[in-house]
Each structure stands twice: as structure tokens, then as C-alpha cells.
Amino acid sequence: MAGWLETAASELDVGPLSNDEIDALLDLARDVAHATERRYAPLTAFLLGAAISNDEDRATAVRTAVTRLRTALPQEP
């Protein structure tokens, strides 16, 4: 998977994801898929990317956005 992620980052002219970013994004996608509809996981990832696209400190922006989204997820009964 890392090979693909490096290729995708290069094609999109962005820096590669750190291991911490990968873990946070995969955890968020899992949480969204289980708390809402599975199909919302990639769409949420897109929205997160759009939200942080202009932030120069990507690592902090990812952590902040992931925390905000997790807080907004529906709670299981």
C-alpha cells in the first residue's frame, strides 16, 4: 500500500503521508463507516482533505480535523 500512497502523493504534487497520518485517517474511515453509512468513509476523507488543503502545517491540521469529525460522529446506543 505504501507504494501506491507514494505514487498518489507524487501525482497530486503533495508530500507523502506520515505513519501517524495514515493511522489517523484509517481509524477515522473505520469509525465513520461503522457510525454512519460505509459509503460515507471516502467522502468524509475527501471533505477532510478539502478542509486542510490550504494549511501549511498538515500534521496538525489532520489531527485537528480528525478530532473534530470524531466528535461529530453519531454515538452508538
N, C-alpha and C. Protein backbone atom coordinates (compact mmCIF):
# COMPACT_ATOMS: atom_id res chain seq x y z
N MET A 1 0.82 -1.19 0.00
CA MET A 1 0.00 0.00 0.00
C MET A 1 0.87 1.25 0.00
N ALA A 2 1.99 1.22 0.72
CA ALA A 2 2.83 2.41 0.80
C ALA A 2 3.30 2.84 -0.59
N GLY A 3 3.59 1.89 -1.46
CA GLY A 3 4.00 2.24 -2.82
C GLY A 3 2.93 3.04 -3.54
N TRP A 4 1.67 2.61 -3.40
CA TRP A 4 0.58 3.33 -4.04
C TRP A 4 0.43 4.72 -3.43
N LEU A 5 0.51 4.82 -2.12
CA LEU A 5 0.34 6.12 -1.46
C LEU A 5 1.43 7.10 -1.89
N GLU A 6 2.65 6.61 -2.04
CA GLU A 6 3.74 7.48 -2.51
C GLU A 6 3.49 7.91 -3.95
N THR A 7 3.02 6.99 -4.79
CA THR A 7 2.70 7.31 -6.18
C THR A 7 1.58 8.34 -6.25
N ALA A 8 0.52 8.11 -5.45
CA ALA A 8 -0.62 9.03 -5.45
C ALA A 8 -0.19 10.42 -4.98
N ALA A 9 0.62 10.49 -3.93
CA ALA A 9 1.09 11.78 -3.43
C ALA A 9 1.91 12.50 -4.49
N SER A 10 2.76 11.78 -5.17
CA SER A 10 3.59 12.37 -6.22
C SER A 10 2.73 12.89 -7.37
N GLU A 11 1.75 12.10 -7.78
CA GLU A 11 0.86 12.51 -8.88
C GLU A 11 0.05 13.74 -8.52
N LEU A 12 -0.26 13.89 -7.24
CA LEU A 12 -1.08 15.02 -6.79
C LEU A 12 -0.23 16.20 -6.32
N ASP A 13 1.08 16.06 -6.43
CA ASP A 13 2.01 17.13 -6.02
C ASP A 13 1.85 17.52 -4.56
N VAL A 14 1.72 16.51 -3.70
CA VAL A 14 1.68 16.73 -2.26
C VAL A 14 2.71 15.83 -1.59
N GLY A 15 3.08 16.18 -0.38
CA GLY A 15 4.03 15.36 0.36
C GLY A 15 3.39 14.04 0.76
N PRO A 16 4.22 13.02 0.96
CA PRO A 16 3.68 11.71 1.36
C PRO A 16 3.08 11.77 2.76
N LEU A 17 2.19 10.85 3.02
CA LEU A 17 1.57 10.76 4.35
C LEU A 17 2.56 10.16 5.34
N SER A 18 2.54 10.68 6.56
CA SER A 18 3.34 10.09 7.63
C SER A 18 2.60 8.87 8.16
N ASN A 19 3.30 8.03 8.89
CA ASN A 19 2.64 6.86 9.50
C ASN A 19 1.53 7.30 10.45
N ASP A 20 1.74 8.38 11.20
CA ASP A 20 0.71 8.89 12.10
C ASP A 20 -0.52 9.35 11.33
N GLU A 21 -0.31 10.02 10.19
CA GLU A 21 -1.44 10.46 9.37
C GLU A 21 -2.19 9.27 8.81
N ILE A 22 -1.46 8.26 8.34
CA ILE A 22 -2.11 7.06 7.80
C ILE A 22 -2.97 6.41 8.87
N ASP A 23 -2.41 6.24 10.07
CA ASP A 23 -3.18 5.61 11.16
C ASP A 23 -4.42 6.42 11.50
N ALA A 24 -4.27 7.75 11.61
CA ALA A 24 -5.41 8.60 11.98
C ALA A 24 -6.50 8.56 10.91
N LEU A 25 -6.10 8.60 9.64
CA LEU A 25 -7.09 8.60 8.56
C LEU A 25 -7.80 7.26 8.44
N LEU A 26 -7.06 6.16 8.59
CA LEU A 26 -7.69 4.85 8.53
C LEU A 26 -8.62 4.63 9.72
N ASP A 27 -8.21 5.09 10.89
CA ASP A 27 -9.08 4.97 12.06
C ASP A 27 -10.35 5.79 11.88
N LEU A 28 -10.20 6.99 11.35
CA LEU A 28 -11.38 7.83 11.10
C LEU A 28 -12.31 7.17 10.09
N ALA A 29 -11.76 6.66 9.00
CA ALA A 29 -12.59 6.00 7.98
C ALA A 29 -13.35 4.82 8.58
N ARG A 30 -12.68 4.04 9.42
CA ARG A 30 -13.34 2.92 10.09
C ARG A 30 -14.48 3.42 10.97
N ASP A 31 -14.19 4.46 11.76
CA ASP A 31 -15.20 4.99 12.68
C ASP A 31 -16.41 5.55 11.93
N VAL A 32 -16.16 6.26 10.84
CA VAL A 32 -17.26 6.81 10.03
C VAL A 32 -18.07 5.66 9.42
N ALA A 33 -17.39 4.66 8.89
CA ALA A 33 -18.08 3.53 8.25
C ALA A 33 -18.97 2.79 9.24
N HIS A 34 -18.54 2.70 10.49
CA HIS A 34 -19.34 1.98 11.49
C HIS A 34 -20.41 2.84 12.14
N ALA A 35 -20.16 4.14 12.25
CA ALA A 35 -21.11 5.01 12.93
C ALA A 35 -22.18 5.58 12.01
N THR A 36 -21.90 5.60 10.70
CA THR A 36 -22.86 6.12 9.72
C THR A 36 -23.04 5.05 8.65
N GLU A 37 -23.01 5.47 7.41
CA GLU A 37 -23.05 4.51 6.30
C GLU A 37 -21.63 4.31 5.79
N ARG A 38 -21.31 3.09 5.43
CA ARG A 38 -19.96 2.74 4.96
C ARG A 38 -19.51 3.64 3.81
N ARG A 39 -20.41 3.98 2.92
CA ARG A 39 -20.05 4.79 1.76
C ARG A 39 -19.64 6.21 2.12
N TYR A 40 -19.92 6.64 3.34
CA TYR A 40 -19.54 7.99 3.76
C TYR A 40 -18.06 8.09 4.14
N ALA A 41 -17.39 6.97 4.35
CA ALA A 41 -15.98 7.00 4.75
C ALA A 41 -15.09 7.69 3.72
N PRO A 42 -15.13 7.30 2.44
CA PRO A 42 -14.27 8.01 1.48
C PRO A 42 -14.71 9.45 1.23
N LEU A 43 -16.00 9.70 1.32
CA LEU A 43 -16.49 11.06 1.13
C LEU A 43 -16.05 11.96 2.28
N THR A 44 -16.03 11.42 3.48
CA THR A 44 -15.54 12.16 4.63
C THR A 44 -14.05 12.45 4.48
N ALA A 45 -13.30 11.47 3.97
CA ALA A 45 -11.87 11.68 3.74
C ALA A 45 -11.65 12.80 2.73
N PHE A 46 -12.48 12.86 1.72
CA PHE A 46 -12.37 13.94 0.74
C PHE A 46 -12.64 15.29 1.40
N LEU A 47 -13.70 15.36 2.20
CA LEU A 47 -14.01 16.61 2.89
C LEU A 47 -12.89 17.03 3.83
N LEU A 48 -12.30 16.07 4.51
CA LEU A 48 -11.16 16.37 5.38
C LEU A 48 -10.02 16.96 4.56
N GLY A 49 -9.73 16.35 3.43
CA GLY A 49 -8.67 16.86 2.56
C GLY A 49 -8.94 18.28 2.09
N ALA A 50 -10.18 18.54 1.73
CA ALA A 50 -10.54 19.89 1.30
C ALA A 50 -10.37 20.89 2.44
N ALA A 51 -10.72 20.46 3.65
CA ALA A 51 -10.64 21.36 4.80
C ALA A 51 -9.22 21.73 5.15
N ILE A 52 -8.29 20.83 4.93
CA ILE A 52 -6.90 21.11 5.33
C ILE A 52 -6.01 21.51 4.17
N SER A 53 -6.56 21.60 2.99
CA SER A 53 -5.75 21.80 1.79
C SER A 53 -4.89 23.06 1.81
N ASN A 54 -5.31 24.08 2.49
CA ASN A 54 -4.54 25.32 2.50
C ASN A 54 -3.73 25.51 3.76
N ASP A 55 -3.72 24.53 4.64
CA ASP A 55 -2.99 24.64 5.90
C ASP A 55 -1.54 24.21 5.69
N GLU A 56 -0.61 25.04 6.08
CA GLU A 56 0.81 24.72 5.88
C GLU A 56 1.30 23.67 6.85
N ASP A 57 0.69 23.52 8.00
CA ASP A 57 1.09 22.51 8.98
C ASP A 57 0.12 21.34 8.85
N ARG A 58 0.36 20.48 7.86
CA ARG A 58 -0.58 19.41 7.55
C ARG A 58 -0.78 18.45 8.71
N ALA A 59 0.29 18.11 9.41
CA ALA A 59 0.17 17.14 10.50
C ALA A 59 -0.80 17.63 11.57
N THR A 60 -0.67 18.88 11.96
CA THR A 60 -1.57 19.45 12.96
C THR A 60 -2.98 19.57 12.40
N ALA A 61 -3.10 19.98 11.14
CA ALA A 61 -4.41 20.13 10.51
C ALA A 61 -5.14 18.78 10.45
N VAL A 62 -4.43 17.72 10.13
CA VAL A 62 -5.05 16.39 10.08
C VAL A 62 -5.54 16.00 11.47
N ARG A 63 -4.69 16.14 12.48
CA ARG A 63 -5.08 15.78 13.84
C ARG A 63 -6.32 16.57 14.29
N THR A 64 -6.31 17.86 14.03
CA THR A 64 -7.42 18.71 14.43
C THR A 64 -8.71 18.32 13.71
N ALA A 65 -8.62 18.13 12.40
CA ALA A 65 -9.81 17.77 11.62
C ALA A 65 -10.35 16.40 12.02
N VAL A 66 -9.46 15.44 12.24
CA VAL A 66 -9.90 14.10 12.65
C VAL A 66 -10.61 14.18 14.00
N THR A 67 -10.07 14.93 14.92
CA THR A 67 -10.70 15.08 16.24
C THR A 67 -12.07 15.71 16.11
N ARG A 68 -12.19 16.75 15.31
CA ARG A 68 -13.49 17.42 15.11
C ARG A 68 -14.51 16.47 14.51
N LEU A 69 -14.08 15.69 13.51
CA LEU A 69 -15.01 14.76 12.86
C LEU A 69 -15.42 13.64 13.80
N ARG A 70 -14.48 13.11 14.56
CA ARG A 70 -14.82 12.04 15.51
C ARG A 70 -15.85 12.54 16.53
N THR A 71 -15.68 13.76 16.97
CA THR A 71 -16.62 14.34 17.94
C THR A 71 -18.02 14.46 17.33
N ALA A 72 -18.09 14.69 16.04
CA ALA A 72 -19.37 14.89 15.36
C ALA A 72 -20.06 13.58 15.00
N LEU A 73 -19.36 12.45 15.07
CA LEU A 73 -19.96 11.18 14.70
C LEU A 73 -21.12 10.82 15.63
N PRO A 74 -22.16 10.19 15.08
CA PRO A 74 -23.25 9.72 15.94
C PRO A 74 -22.70 8.72 16.96
N GLN A 75 -23.20 8.80 18.17
CA GLN A 75 -22.78 7.89 19.22
C GLN A 75 -23.63 6.63 19.16
N GLU A 76 -22.98 5.48 19.36
CA GLU A 76 -23.73 4.22 19.37
C GLU A 76 -24.54 4.13 20.64
N PRO A 77 -25.76 3.61 20.54
CA PRO A 77 -26.62 3.50 21.74
C PRO A 77 -26.10 2.51 22.75
